[in-house]
Amino acid sequence: MSNPPPAVRALTLIGVPTDVGAGSRGASMGPEALRVAGLGPALQALGYDVEDAGNLIGPANPMLPPDNGYRHLTEVIAWNQTLHDAVYAELQRSRLPITLGGDHCLGMGSISAVARHCHHAGKPLRVLWLDAHTDFNTQALTPSGNLHGMPVACLCGQGPEPLTTLAGQTPALHPEWIRQIGIRSVDEGEKNLIAEAGIEVYDMRTIDEIGMRSVMEAALADLTPHTHLHVSFDVDFLDPEIAPAVATSIPGGPTYREAQLCMEMIADTGCLGSLDIVELNPALDIRNKTAMLATELVQSLFGKSTLIRRPAHSRG
């Protein structure tokens, strides 16, 4: 077991029980599934001070069709504003916020808060987007209107003003701050937008060709000791054979060991400053298998390792 870096010993779990940005119901139960899987006690066992702030409160899912290209825009704005405020408050307390989703539209609120915090603190920011999807849809391109397919576009300034301005400056993120890993499903219209934006995308072909280690070395390159690293972990990043509890599962994702290596290499940086865990849908799970796997991976993200790691040059 590794000792956590002193700067990030204090963690706060923030439950966000909503699926207003998704196309199907169930992700609203994700926070409780992660608690049942023992996420909080598992992190405490690693030496962290863990507070569970409970669940945020927001509007119910009205299950309406798209209106002018967006489904549930009013509800999505409300949830993300509430989450922004909660995440920002924890960062101001020098605690590391862990968002328990909920669908991936919540990345707009959490990452906007992180961007606001980094802007005021003068810290560089890097976002690792672990996902099967690029989530760069827009009102004009979306085939569904579901806002969980649009958070990266909104964070980069393309979307409804109440969402693109959450961070206090637009865009909240510059594309060069983002690294997307595990991508294997991109809508046709998104491909051009991603290329134009210049976001670094490490899709599954890249992982197949050069391996997860080389991908993570590239994604984590040039981090300074003061960089705030935000990880947005969509559970559909993982191969559905090991993580079935997602409504948008795409075959061919990272294996258990590839995912563990990804998390361990992030932990090795010592830069982790905030985390989202999203799109866990317990209604599709088998005896909470996916939530337990997510808990194992998050432990690795926070420093759990088989051995006491030494710098590579000192190993025999």
C-alpha atoms as a PDB file:
ATOM      1  CA  MET A   1       0.000   0.000   0.000  1.00  0.00           C
ATOM      2  CA  SER A   2       1.344   3.416  -0.985  1.00  0.00           C
ATOM      3  CA  ASN A   3       1.093   6.478   1.221  1.00  0.00           C
ATOM      4  CA  PRO A   4      -0.971   9.254  -0.386  1.00  0.00           C
ATOM      5  CA  PRO A   5       0.805  12.508  -1.173  1.00  0.00           C
ATOM      6  CA  PRO A   6       0.252  14.937   1.740  1.00  0.00           C
ATOM      7  CA  ALA A   7      -1.337  17.568  -0.508  1.00  0.00           C
ATOM      8  CA  VAL A   8      -4.279  15.348  -1.368  1.00  0.00           C
ATOM      9  CA  ARG A   9      -4.970  13.467   1.856  1.00  0.00           C
ATOM     10  CA  ALA A  10      -8.464  14.981   2.209  1.00  0.00           C
ATOM     11  CA  LEU A  11     -11.162  13.654  -0.124  1.00  0.00           C
ATOM     12  CA  THR A  12     -14.864  14.477  -0.400  1.00  0.00           C
ATOM     13  CA  LEU A  13     -17.426  12.235  -2.078  1.00  0.00           C
ATOM     14  CA  ILE A  14     -20.243  14.174  -3.771  1.00  0.00           C
ATOM     15  CA  GLY A  15     -23.205  12.101  -4.952  1.00  0.00           C
ATOM     16  CA  VAL A  16     -25.088  13.418  -7.979  1.00  0.00           C
ATOM     17  CA  PRO A  17     -28.066  11.078  -8.501  1.00  0.00           C
ATOM     18  CA  THR A  18     -29.364  12.122 -11.904  1.00  0.00           C
ATOM     19  CA  ASP A  19     -29.667  10.755 -15.425  1.00  0.00           C
ATOM     20  CA  VAL A  20     -31.219  13.851 -17.037  1.00  0.00           C
ATOM     21  CA  GLY A  21     -28.432  14.019 -19.618  1.00  0.00           C
ATOM     22  CA  ALA A  22     -28.701  10.381 -20.675  1.00  0.00           C
ATOM     23  CA  GLY A  23     -30.942   8.559 -23.094  1.00  0.00           C
ATOM     24  CA  SER A  24     -32.099   5.931 -20.599  1.00  0.00           C
ATOM     25  CA  ARG A  25     -32.771   5.747 -16.885  1.00  0.00           C
ATOM     26  CA  GLY A  26     -30.556   4.190 -14.227  1.00  0.00           C
ATOM     27  CA  ALA A  27     -27.349   6.228 -13.854  1.00  0.00           C
ATOM     28  CA  SER A  28     -29.092   8.138 -11.070  1.00  0.00           C
ATOM     29  CA  MET A  29     -28.526   5.042  -8.898  1.00  0.00           C
ATOM     30  CA  GLY A  30     -24.773   5.112  -9.499  1.00  0.00           C
ATOM     31  CA  PRO A  31     -23.739   6.997  -6.345  1.00  0.00           C
ATOM     32  CA  GLU A  32     -25.422   4.482  -4.056  1.00  0.00           C
ATOM     33  CA  ALA A  33     -23.942   1.531  -5.953  1.00  0.00           C
ATOM     34  CA  LEU A  34     -20.452   2.961  -5.418  1.00  0.00           C
ATOM     35  CA  ARG A  35     -21.171   3.432  -1.719  1.00  0.00           C
ATOM     36  CA  VAL A  36     -22.474  -0.143  -1.458  1.00  0.00           C
ATOM     37  CA  ALA A  37     -19.243  -1.288  -3.154  1.00  0.00           C
ATOM     38  CA  GLY A  38     -17.337   0.337  -0.283  1.00  0.00           C
ATOM     39  CA  LEU A  39     -15.626   3.196  -2.096  1.00  0.00           C
ATOM     40  CA  GLY A  40     -15.344   5.455   0.946  1.00  0.00           C
ATOM     41  CA  PRO A  41     -13.933   2.836   3.356  1.00  0.00           C
ATOM     42  CA  ALA A  42     -11.569   1.577   0.623  1.00  0.00           C
ATOM     43  CA  LEU A  43     -10.038   5.041   0.294  1.00  0.00           C
ATOM     44  CA  GLN A  44      -9.909   5.465   4.067  1.00  0.00           C
ATOM     45  CA  ALA A  45      -7.936   2.211   4.223  1.00  0.00           C
ATOM     46  CA  LEU A  46      -5.318   3.849   2.004  1.00  0.00           C
ATOM     47  CA  GLY A  47      -4.784   6.557   4.600  1.00  0.00           C
ATOM     48  CA  TYR A  48      -7.082   9.291   3.295  1.00  0.00           C
ATOM     49  CA  ASP A  49      -9.413  11.517   5.278  1.00  0.00           C
ATOM     50  CA  VAL A  50     -12.697  10.802   3.465  1.00  0.00           C
ATOM     51  CA  GLU A  51     -15.872  12.828   3.903  1.00  0.00           C
ATOM     52  CA  ASP A  52     -19.105  11.727   2.261  1.00  0.00           C
ATOM     53  CA  ALA A  53     -21.100  14.886   1.579  1.00  0.00           C
ATOM     54  CA  GLY A  54     -24.178  12.866   0.658  1.00  0.00           C
ATOM     55  CA  ASN A  55     -26.209  13.534  -2.468  1.00  0.00           C
ATOM     56  CA  LEU A  56     -26.908  16.844  -4.146  1.00  0.00           C
ATOM     57  CA  ILE A  57     -30.549  17.658  -4.839  1.00  0.00           C
ATOM     58  CA  GLY A  58     -31.893  18.698  -8.214  1.00  0.00           C
ATOM     59  CA  PRO A  59     -34.821  18.361 -10.603  1.00  0.00           C
ATOM     60  CA  ALA A  60     -36.310  15.004 -11.513  1.00  0.00           C
ATOM     61  CA  ASN A  61     -35.915  13.460 -14.962  1.00  0.00           C
ATOM     62  CA  PRO A  62     -39.026  14.511 -16.943  1.00  0.00           C
ATOM     63  CA  MET A  63     -38.305  12.012 -19.751  1.00  0.00           C
ATOM     64  CA  LEU A  64     -39.250  14.447 -22.509  1.00  0.00           C
ATOM     65  CA  PRO A  65     -38.215  14.475 -26.190  1.00  0.00           C
ATOM     66  CA  PRO A  66     -35.588  16.958 -27.452  1.00  0.00           C
ATOM     67  CA  ASP A  67     -36.532  20.622 -27.661  1.00  0.00           C
ATOM     68  CA  ASN A  68     -34.537  22.638 -30.199  1.00  0.00           C
ATOM     69  CA  GLY A  69     -31.814  19.979 -30.247  1.00  0.00           C
ATOM     70  CA  TYR A  70     -31.484  19.462 -26.482  1.00  0.00           C
ATOM     71  CA  ARG A  71     -33.150  17.063 -24.066  1.00  0.00           C
ATOM     72  CA  HIS A  72     -33.799  18.355 -20.568  1.00  0.00           C
ATOM     73  CA  LEU A  73     -31.645  21.459 -20.966  1.00  0.00           C
ATOM     74  CA  THR A  74     -33.231  23.268 -18.003  1.00  0.00           C
ATOM     75  CA  GLU A  75     -32.663  20.270 -15.731  1.00  0.00           C
ATOM     76  CA  VAL A  76     -29.101  19.736 -16.965  1.00  0.00           C
ATOM     77  CA  ILE A  77     -28.244  23.371 -16.277  1.00  0.00           C
ATOM     78  CA  ALA A  78     -29.667  23.137 -12.749  1.00  0.00           C
ATOM     79  CA  TRP A  79     -27.757  19.975 -11.845  1.00  0.00           C
ATOM     80  CA  ASN A  80     -24.485  21.264 -13.268  1.00  0.00           C
ATOM     81  CA  GLN A  81     -24.721  24.620 -11.514  1.00  0.00           C
ATOM     82  CA  THR A  82     -25.329  22.830  -8.214  1.00  0.00           C
ATOM     83  CA  LEU A  83     -22.424  20.453  -8.840  1.00  0.00           C
ATOM     84  CA  HIS A  84     -20.134  23.318  -9.895  1.00  0.00           C
ATOM     85  CA  ASP A  85     -20.796  25.072  -6.604  1.00  0.00           C
ATOM     86  CA  ALA A  86     -20.228  21.909  -4.548  1.00  0.00           C
ATOM     87  CA  VAL A  87     -16.964  20.972  -6.294  1.00  0.00           C
ATOM     88  CA  TYR A  88     -15.626  24.532  -6.121  1.00  0.00           C
ATOM     89  CA  ALA A  89     -16.396  24.695  -2.393  1.00  0.00           C
ATOM     90  CA  GLU A  90     -14.392  21.514  -1.740  1.00  0.00           C
ATOM     91  CA  LEU A  91     -11.444  22.775  -3.782  1.00  0.00           C
ATOM     92  CA  GLN A  92     -11.521  25.988  -1.748  1.00  0.00           C
ATOM     93  CA  ARG A  93     -11.288  23.808   1.368  1.00  0.00           C
ATOM     94  CA  SER A  94      -8.158  22.146  -0.099  1.00  0.00           C
ATOM     95  CA  ARG A  95     -10.060  18.869  -0.413  1.00  0.00           C
ATOM     96  CA  LEU A  96     -10.066  16.659  -3.493  1.00  0.00           C
ATOM     97  CA  PRO A  97     -13.648  16.321  -4.809  1.00  0.00           C
ATOM     98  CA  ILE A  98     -14.856  12.984  -6.185  1.00  0.00           C
ATOM     99  CA  THR A  99     -18.084  13.304  -8.161  1.00  0.00           C
ATOM    100  CA  LEU A 100     -20.202  10.148  -7.967  1.00  0.00           C
ATOM    101  CA  GLY A 101     -22.483  10.228 -11.011  1.00  0.00           C
ATOM    102  CA  GLY A 102     -24.875  10.268 -12.529  1.00  0.00           C
ATOM    103  CA  ASP A 103     -24.456  10.621 -16.289  1.00  0.00           C
ATOM    104  CA  HIS A 104     -21.532  12.307 -18.044  1.00  0.00           C
ATOM    105  CA  CYS A 105     -23.266  15.635 -18.632  1.00  0.00           C
ATOM    106  CA  LEU A 106     -22.065  16.276 -15.061  1.00  0.00           C
ATOM    107  CA  GLY A 107     -18.542  16.772 -16.387  1.00  0.00           C
ATOM    108  CA  MET A 108     -19.642  20.254 -17.372  1.00  0.00           C
ATOM    109  CA  GLY A 109     -20.281  21.251 -13.772  1.00  0.00           C
ATOM    110  CA  SER A 110     -17.364  19.500 -12.121  1.00  0.00           C
ATOM    111  CA  ILE A 111     -14.713  20.502 -14.656  1.00  0.00           C
ATOM    112  CA  SER A 112     -15.983  24.083 -14.874  1.00  0.00           C
ATOM    113  CA  ALA A 113     -15.429  24.325 -11.119  1.00  0.00           C
ATOM    114  CA  VAL A 114     -11.933  22.882 -11.484  1.00  0.00           C
ATOM    115  CA  ALA A 115     -11.154  25.313 -14.306  1.00  0.00           C
ATOM    116  CA  ARG A 116     -12.376  28.242 -12.195  1.00  0.00           C
ATOM    117  CA  HIS A 117     -10.241  27.077  -9.267  1.00  0.00           C
ATOM    118  CA  CYS A 118      -7.115  26.640 -11.411  1.00  0.00           C
ATOM    119  CA  HIS A 119      -7.622  30.029 -13.056  1.00  0.00           C
ATOM    120  CA  HIS A 120      -7.786  31.789  -9.700  1.00  0.00           C
ATOM    121  CA  ALA A 121      -4.890  29.760  -8.273  1.00  0.00           C
ATOM    122  CA  GLY A 122      -2.708  30.238 -11.352  1.00  0.00           C
ATOM    123  CA  LYS A 123      -2.310  26.474 -11.786  1.00  0.00           C
ATOM    124  CA  PRO A 124      -2.034  24.641 -15.105  1.00  0.00           C
ATOM    125  CA  LEU A 125      -4.845  22.158 -15.765  1.00  0.00           C
ATOM    126  CA  ARG A 126      -4.918  18.878 -17.620  1.00  0.00           C
ATOM    127  CA  VAL A 127      -8.041  16.769 -18.131  1.00  0.00           C
ATOM    128  CA  LEU A 128      -7.923  13.047 -18.835  1.00  0.00           C
ATOM    129  CA  TRP A 129     -11.193  11.954 -20.434  1.00  0.00           C
ATOM    130  CA  LEU A 130     -11.453   8.160 -20.022  1.00  0.00           C
ATOM    131  CA  ASP A 131     -14.379   7.200 -22.224  1.00  0.00           C
ATOM    132  CA  ALA A 132     -15.575   5.138 -25.166  1.00  0.00           C
ATOM    133  CA  HIS A 133     -16.961   8.368 -26.670  1.00  0.00           C
ATOM    134  CA  THR A 134     -15.496  11.791 -27.431  1.00  0.00           C
ATOM    135  CA  ASP A 135     -18.646  13.584 -26.164  1.00  0.00           C
ATOM    136  CA  PHE A 136     -18.112  16.449 -28.610  1.00  0.00           C
ATOM    137  CA  ASN A 137     -21.610  16.580 -30.072  1.00  0.00           C
ATOM    138  CA  THR A 138     -23.426  19.854 -30.587  1.00  0.00           C
ATOM    139  CA  GLN A 139     -27.037  20.956 -30.980  1.00  0.00           C
ATOM    140  CA  ALA A 140     -26.705  20.876 -34.768  1.00  0.00           C
ATOM    141  CA  LEU A 141     -25.069  17.455 -34.940  1.00  0.00           C
ATOM    142  CA  THR A 142     -26.552  15.401 -32.131  1.00  0.00           C
ATOM    143  CA  PRO A 143     -28.671  12.467 -33.280  1.00  0.00           C
ATOM    144  CA  SER A 144     -30.418  12.227 -29.887  1.00  0.00           C
ATOM    145  CA  GLY A 145     -30.301  15.590 -28.106  1.00  0.00           C
ATOM    146  CA  ASN A 146     -28.839  13.874 -25.032  1.00  0.00           C
ATOM    147  CA  LEU A 147     -26.511  16.273 -23.270  1.00  0.00           C
ATOM    148  CA  HIS A 148     -24.253  13.529 -21.926  1.00  0.00           C
ATOM    149  CA  GLY A 149     -22.873  13.446 -25.474  1.00  0.00           C
ATOM    150  CA  MET A 150     -21.935  17.157 -25.398  1.00  0.00           C
ATOM    151  CA  PRO A 151     -19.863  17.994 -22.297  1.00  0.00           C
ATOM    152  CA  VAL A 152     -16.464  18.292 -23.997  1.00  0.00           C
ATOM    153  CA  ALA A 153     -17.914  20.563 -26.673  1.00  0.00           C
ATOM    154  CA  CYS A 154     -19.565  22.725 -24.003  1.00  0.00           C
ATOM    155  CA  LEU A 155     -16.369  22.913 -21.955  1.00  0.00           C
ATOM    156  CA  CYS A 156     -14.567  24.044 -25.118  1.00  0.00           C
ATOM    157  CA  GLY A 157     -17.134  26.812 -25.628  1.00  0.00           C
ATOM    158  CA  GLN A 158     -19.589  25.195 -28.053  1.00  0.00           C
ATOM    159  CA  GLY A 159     -23.043  24.923 -26.493  1.00  0.00           C
ATOM    160  CA  PRO A 160     -25.767  26.764 -24.557  1.00  0.00           C
ATOM    161  CA  GLU A 161     -24.474  29.879 -22.803  1.00  0.00           C
ATOM    162  CA  PRO A 162     -25.538  28.801 -19.277  1.00  0.00           C
ATOM    163  CA  LEU A 163     -23.288  25.754 -19.656  1.00  0.00           C
ATOM    164  CA  THR A 164     -20.367  27.277 -21.554  1.00  0.00           C
ATOM    165  CA  THR A 165     -20.042  30.097 -18.997  1.00  0.00           C
ATOM    166  CA  LEU A 166     -20.183  28.021 -15.784  1.00  0.00           C
ATOM    167  CA  ALA A 167     -16.452  28.430 -15.160  1.00  0.00           C
ATOM    168  CA  GLY A 168     -16.616  32.229 -15.253  1.00  0.00           C
ATOM    169  CA  GLN A 169     -14.634  32.340 -18.475  1.00  0.00           C
ATOM    170  CA  THR A 170     -15.338  30.873 -21.914  1.00  0.00           C
ATOM    171  CA  PRO A 171     -14.085  28.420 -22.869  1.00  0.00           C
ATOM    172  CA  ALA A 172     -13.586  26.624 -19.568  1.00  0.00           C
ATOM    173  CA  LEU A 173     -11.024  24.387 -21.283  1.00  0.00           C
ATOM    174  CA  HIS A 174      -8.651  24.893 -24.154  1.00  0.00           C
ATOM    175  CA  PRO A 175      -8.473  21.786 -26.340  1.00  0.00           C
ATOM    176  CA  GLU A 176      -4.738  21.415 -25.733  1.00  0.00           C
ATOM    177  CA  TRP A 177      -5.458  20.740 -22.056  1.00  0.00           C
ATOM    178  CA  ILE A 178      -7.489  17.610 -22.847  1.00  0.00           C
ATOM    179  CA  ARG A 179      -6.392  14.021 -23.468  1.00  0.00           C
ATOM    180  CA  GLN A 180      -9.050  11.480 -24.448  1.00  0.00           C
ATOM    181  CA  ILE A 181      -8.249   7.804 -23.898  1.00  0.00           C
ATOM    182  CA  GLY A 182     -10.093   4.614 -24.870  1.00  0.00           C
ATOM    183  CA  ILE A 183     -12.212   6.214 -27.601  1.00  0.00           C
ATOM    184  CA  ARG A 184     -13.958   3.782 -29.954  1.00  0.00           C
ATOM    185  CA  SER A 185     -17.310   5.356 -30.864  1.00  0.00           C
ATOM    186  CA  VAL A 186     -17.501   8.772 -32.546  1.00  0.00           C
ATOM    187  CA  ASP A 187     -20.518  10.142 -34.422  1.00  0.00           C
ATOM    188  CA  GLU A 188     -19.796  11.214 -37.989  1.00  0.00           C
ATOM    189  CA  GLY A 189     -20.316  14.900 -37.303  1.00  0.00           C
ATOM    190  CA  GLU A 190     -18.076  14.790 -34.241  1.00  0.00           C
ATOM    191  CA  LYS A 191     -15.057  13.568 -36.208  1.00  0.00           C
ATOM    192  CA  ASN A 192     -14.604  16.887 -37.981  1.00  0.00           C
ATOM    193  CA  LEU A 193     -15.175  18.926 -34.820  1.00  0.00           C
ATOM    194  CA  ILE A 194     -12.592  16.900 -32.890  1.00  0.00           C
ATOM    195  CA  ALA A 195     -10.084  17.292 -35.712  1.00  0.00           C
ATOM    196  CA  GLU A 196     -10.711  21.042 -35.951  1.00  0.00           C
ATOM    197  CA  ALA A 197     -10.392  21.488 -32.191  1.00  0.00           C
ATOM    198  CA  GLY A 198      -7.094  19.616 -32.137  1.00  0.00           C
ATOM    199  CA  ILE A 199      -7.851  17.513 -29.065  1.00  0.00           C
ATOM    200  CA  GLU A 200      -5.359  14.712 -28.472  1.00  0.00           C
ATOM    201  CA  VAL A 201      -7.313  11.456 -28.811  1.00  0.00           C
ATOM    202  CA  TYR A 202      -5.832   8.049 -28.010  1.00  0.00           C
ATOM    203  CA  ASP A 203      -8.387   5.673 -29.465  1.00  0.00           C
ATOM    204  CA  MET A 204      -8.432   1.908 -29.052  1.00  0.00           C
ATOM    205  CA  ARG A 205      -6.476   1.424 -32.268  1.00  0.00           C
ATOM    206  CA  THR A 206      -3.667   3.490 -30.774  1.00  0.00           C
ATOM    207  CA  ILE A 207      -3.789   1.461 -27.561  1.00  0.00           C
ATOM    208  CA  ASP A 208      -3.722  -1.745 -29.628  1.00  0.00           C
ATOM    209  CA  GLU A 209      -0.767  -0.537 -31.682  1.00  0.00           C
ATOM    210  CA  ILE A 210       1.527   0.978 -29.058  1.00  0.00           C
ATOM    211  CA  GLY A 211       0.110  -0.282 -25.748  1.00  0.00           C
ATOM    212  CA  MET A 212      -1.403   1.425 -22.729  1.00  0.00           C
ATOM    213  CA  ARG A 213       1.970   2.276 -21.230  1.00  0.00           C
ATOM    214  CA  SER A 214       3.062   4.347 -24.226  1.00  0.00           C
ATOM    215  CA  VAL A 215      -0.363   5.973 -24.464  1.00  0.00           C
ATOM    216  CA  MET A 216      -0.266   7.040 -20.823  1.00  0.00           C
ATOM    217  CA  GLU A 217       3.325   8.276 -21.111  1.00  0.00           C
ATOM    218  CA  ALA A 218       2.207  10.503 -23.991  1.00  0.00           C
ATOM    219  CA  ALA A 219      -0.987  11.644 -22.259  1.00  0.00           C
ATOM    220  CA  LEU A 220       0.893  12.544 -19.079  1.00  0.00           C
ATOM    221  CA  ALA A 221       3.887  14.122 -20.775  1.00  0.00           C
ATOM    222  CA  ASP A 222       4.951  17.626 -19.790  1.00  0.00           C
ATOM    223  CA  LEU A 223       3.072  17.681 -16.495  1.00  0.00           C
ATOM    224  CA  THR A 224       4.657  20.031 -14.009  1.00  0.00           C
ATOM    225  CA  PRO A 225       4.572  19.280 -10.270  1.00  0.00           C
ATOM    226  CA  HIS A 226       1.975  22.057  -9.925  1.00  0.00           C
ATOM    227  CA  THR A 227      -0.406  20.800 -12.622  1.00  0.00           C
ATOM    228  CA  HIS A 228      -3.936  20.037 -11.474  1.00  0.00           C
ATOM    229  CA  LEU A 229      -4.887  16.715 -13.074  1.00  0.00           C
ATOM    230  CA  HIS A 230      -8.607  16.040 -13.419  1.00  0.00           C
ATOM    231  CA  VAL A 231      -9.757  12.541 -14.352  1.00  0.00           C
ATOM    232  CA  SER A 232     -13.223  12.142 -15.833  1.00  0.00           C
ATOM    233  CA  PHE A 233     -13.838   8.389 -15.668  1.00  0.00           C
ATOM    234  CA  ASP A 234     -16.824   7.185 -17.683  1.00  0.00           C
ATOM    235  CA  VAL A 235     -17.369   3.542 -16.784  1.00  0.00           C
ATOM    236  CA  ASP A 236     -18.017   2.748 -20.459  1.00  0.00           C
ATOM    237  CA  PHE A 237     -14.271   3.377 -20.943  1.00  0.00           C
ATOM    238  CA  LEU A 238     -13.912  -0.240 -19.823  1.00  0.00           C
ATOM    239  CA  ASP A 239     -14.644  -3.269 -21.956  1.00  0.00           C
ATOM    240  CA  PRO A 240     -18.284  -4.299 -21.320  1.00  0.00           C
ATOM    241  CA  GLU A 241     -17.143  -7.881 -20.672  1.00  0.00           C
ATOM    242  CA  ILE A 242     -15.693  -6.685 -17.355  1.00  0.00           C
ATOM    243  CA  ALA A 243     -17.993  -3.678 -16.796  1.00  0.00           C
ATOM    244  CA  PRO A 244     -21.533  -4.425 -18.035  1.00  0.00           C
ATOM    245  CA  ALA A 245     -23.354  -1.722 -16.049  1.00  0.00           C
ATOM    246  CA  VAL A 246     -23.476   1.001 -18.701  1.00  0.00           C
ATOM    247  CA  ALA A 247     -26.284   1.982 -21.058  1.00  0.00           C
ATOM    248  CA  THR A 248     -23.893   2.994 -23.865  1.00  0.00           C
ATOM    249  CA  SER A 249     -21.557  -0.009 -23.903  1.00  0.00           C
ATOM    250  CA  ILE A 250     -19.177  -0.363 -26.850  1.00  0.00           C
ATOM    251  CA  PRO A 251     -17.200  -3.618 -27.290  1.00  0.00           C
ATOM    252  CA  GLY A 252     -13.436  -3.597 -27.453  1.00  0.00           C
ATOM    253  CA  GLY A 253     -12.480  -1.385 -24.527  1.00  0.00           C
ATOM    254  CA  PRO A 254      -9.474  -1.626 -22.217  1.00  0.00           C
ATOM    255  CA  THR A 255      -8.989  -4.864 -20.322  1.00  0.00           C
ATOM    256  CA  TYR A 256      -8.752  -5.121 -16.548  1.00  0.00           C
ATOM    257  CA  ARG A 257      -4.952  -4.942 -16.614  1.00  0.00           C
ATOM    258  CA  GLU A 258      -4.854  -2.093 -19.140  1.00  0.00           C
ATOM    259  CA  ALA A 259      -7.260  -0.108 -16.971  1.00  0.00           C
ATOM    260  CA  GLN A 260      -5.225  -0.843 -13.844  1.00  0.00           C
ATOM    261  CA  LEU A 261      -2.036   0.326 -15.556  1.00  0.00           C
ATOM    262  CA  CYS A 262      -3.785   3.499 -16.696  1.00  0.00           C
ATOM    263  CA  MET A 263      -4.837   4.290 -13.127  1.00  0.00           C
ATOM    264  CA  GLU A 264      -1.479   3.367 -11.608  1.00  0.00           C
ATOM    265  CA  MET A 265       0.424   5.609 -14.004  1.00  0.00           C
ATOM    266  CA  ILE A 266      -1.896   8.513 -13.191  1.00  0.00           C
ATOM    267  CA  ALA A 267      -1.286   7.893  -9.477  1.00  0.00           C
ATOM    268  CA  ASP A 268       2.475   7.917 -10.063  1.00  0.00           C
ATOM    269  CA  THR A 269       2.317  11.542 -11.223  1.00  0.00           C
ATOM    270  CA  GLY A 270       1.186  12.769  -7.808  1.00  0.00           C
ATOM    271  CA  CYS A 271      -0.871  15.411  -9.632  1.00  0.00           C
ATOM    272  CA  LEU A 272      -4.412  14.055  -9.253  1.00  0.00           C
ATOM    273  CA  GLY A 273      -6.602  16.903  -8.046  1.00  0.00           C
ATOM    274  CA  SER A 274     -10.203  15.890  -8.808  1.00  0.00           C
ATOM    275  CA  LEU A 275     -12.209  12.972 -10.167  1.00  0.00           C
ATOM    276  CA  ASP A 276     -15.536  12.131 -11.809  1.00  0.00           C
ATOM    277  CA  ILE A 277     -16.982   8.600 -11.821  1.00  0.00           C
ATOM    278  CA  VAL A 278     -19.952   8.591 -14.186  1.00  0.00           C
ATOM    279  CA  GLU A 279     -22.401   6.535 -16.256  1.00  0.00           C
ATOM    280  CA  LEU A 280     -22.558   3.615 -13.803  1.00  0.00           C
ATOM    281  CA  ASN A 281     -26.025   2.108 -14.264  1.00  0.00           C
ATOM    282  CA  PRO A 282     -26.713  -0.477 -11.527  1.00  0.00           C
ATOM    283  CA  ALA A 283     -29.937  -1.563 -13.264  1.00  0.00           C
ATOM    284  CA  LEU A 284     -27.720  -3.233 -15.877  1.00  0.00           C
ATOM    285  CA  ASP A 285     -25.184  -4.738 -13.466  1.00  0.00           C
ATOM    286  CA  ILE A 286     -24.617  -8.241 -12.142  1.00  0.00           C
ATOM    287  CA  ARG A 287     -24.418  -8.286  -8.315  1.00  0.00           C
ATOM    288  CA  ASN A 288     -22.806  -4.826  -8.304  1.00  0.00           C
ATOM    289  CA  LYS A 289     -19.820  -6.208 -10.248  1.00  0.00           C
ATOM    290  CA  THR A 290     -19.119  -2.992 -12.159  1.00  0.00           C
ATOM    291  CA  ALA A 291     -19.274  -0.763  -9.084  1.00  0.00           C
ATOM    292  CA  MET A 292     -16.841  -3.065  -7.295  1.00  0.00           C
ATOM    293  CA  LEU A 293     -14.478  -2.967 -10.282  1.00  0.00           C
ATOM    294  CA  ALA A 294     -14.711   0.833 -10.401  1.00  0.00           C
ATOM    295  CA  THR A 295     -13.865   0.907  -6.684  1.00  0.00           C
ATOM    296  CA  GLU A 296     -10.781  -1.265  -7.295  1.00  0.00           C
ATOM    297  CA  LEU A 297      -9.623   1.007 -10.105  1.00  0.00           C
ATOM    298  CA  VAL A 298     -10.150   4.140  -8.040  1.00  0.00           C
ATOM    299  CA  GLN A 299      -8.052   2.625  -5.260  1.00  0.00           C
ATOM    300  CA  SER A 300      -5.241   2.209  -7.812  1.00  0.00           C
ATOM    301  CA  LEU A 301      -5.798   5.800  -8.927  1.00  0.00           C
ATOM    302  CA  PHE A 302      -5.197   6.889  -5.333  1.00  0.00           C
ATOM    303  CA  GLY A 303      -2.001   4.934  -4.878  1.00  0.00           C
ATOM    304  CA  LYS A 304      -2.818   1.318  -4.044  1.00  0.00           C
ATOM    305  CA  SER A 305      -0.176  -0.962  -5.528  1.00  0.00           C
ATOM    306  CA  THR A 306       0.964  -4.548  -5.164  1.00  0.00           C
ATOM    307  CA  LEU A 307       4.478  -3.548  -4.098  1.00  0.00           C
ATOM    308  CA  ILE A 308       6.186  -0.460  -2.745  1.00  0.00           C
ATOM    309  CA  ARG A 309       7.128   1.198  -6.009  1.00  0.00           C
ATOM    310  CA  ARG A 310      10.617   2.533  -6.564  1.00  0.00           C
ATOM    311  CA  PRO A 311      11.815   4.797  -9.390  1.00  0.00           C
ATOM    312  CA  ALA A 312      12.527   2.734 -12.491  1.00  0.00           C
ATOM    313  CA  HIS A 313      16.267   3.517 -12.453  1.00  0.00           C
ATOM    314  CA  SER A 314      16.654   2.048  -8.941  1.00  0.00           C
ATOM    315  CA  ARG A 315      15.101  -1.308  -9.711  1.00  0.00           C
ATOM    316  CA  GLY A 316      17.438  -4.200 -10.179  1.00  0.00           C
END
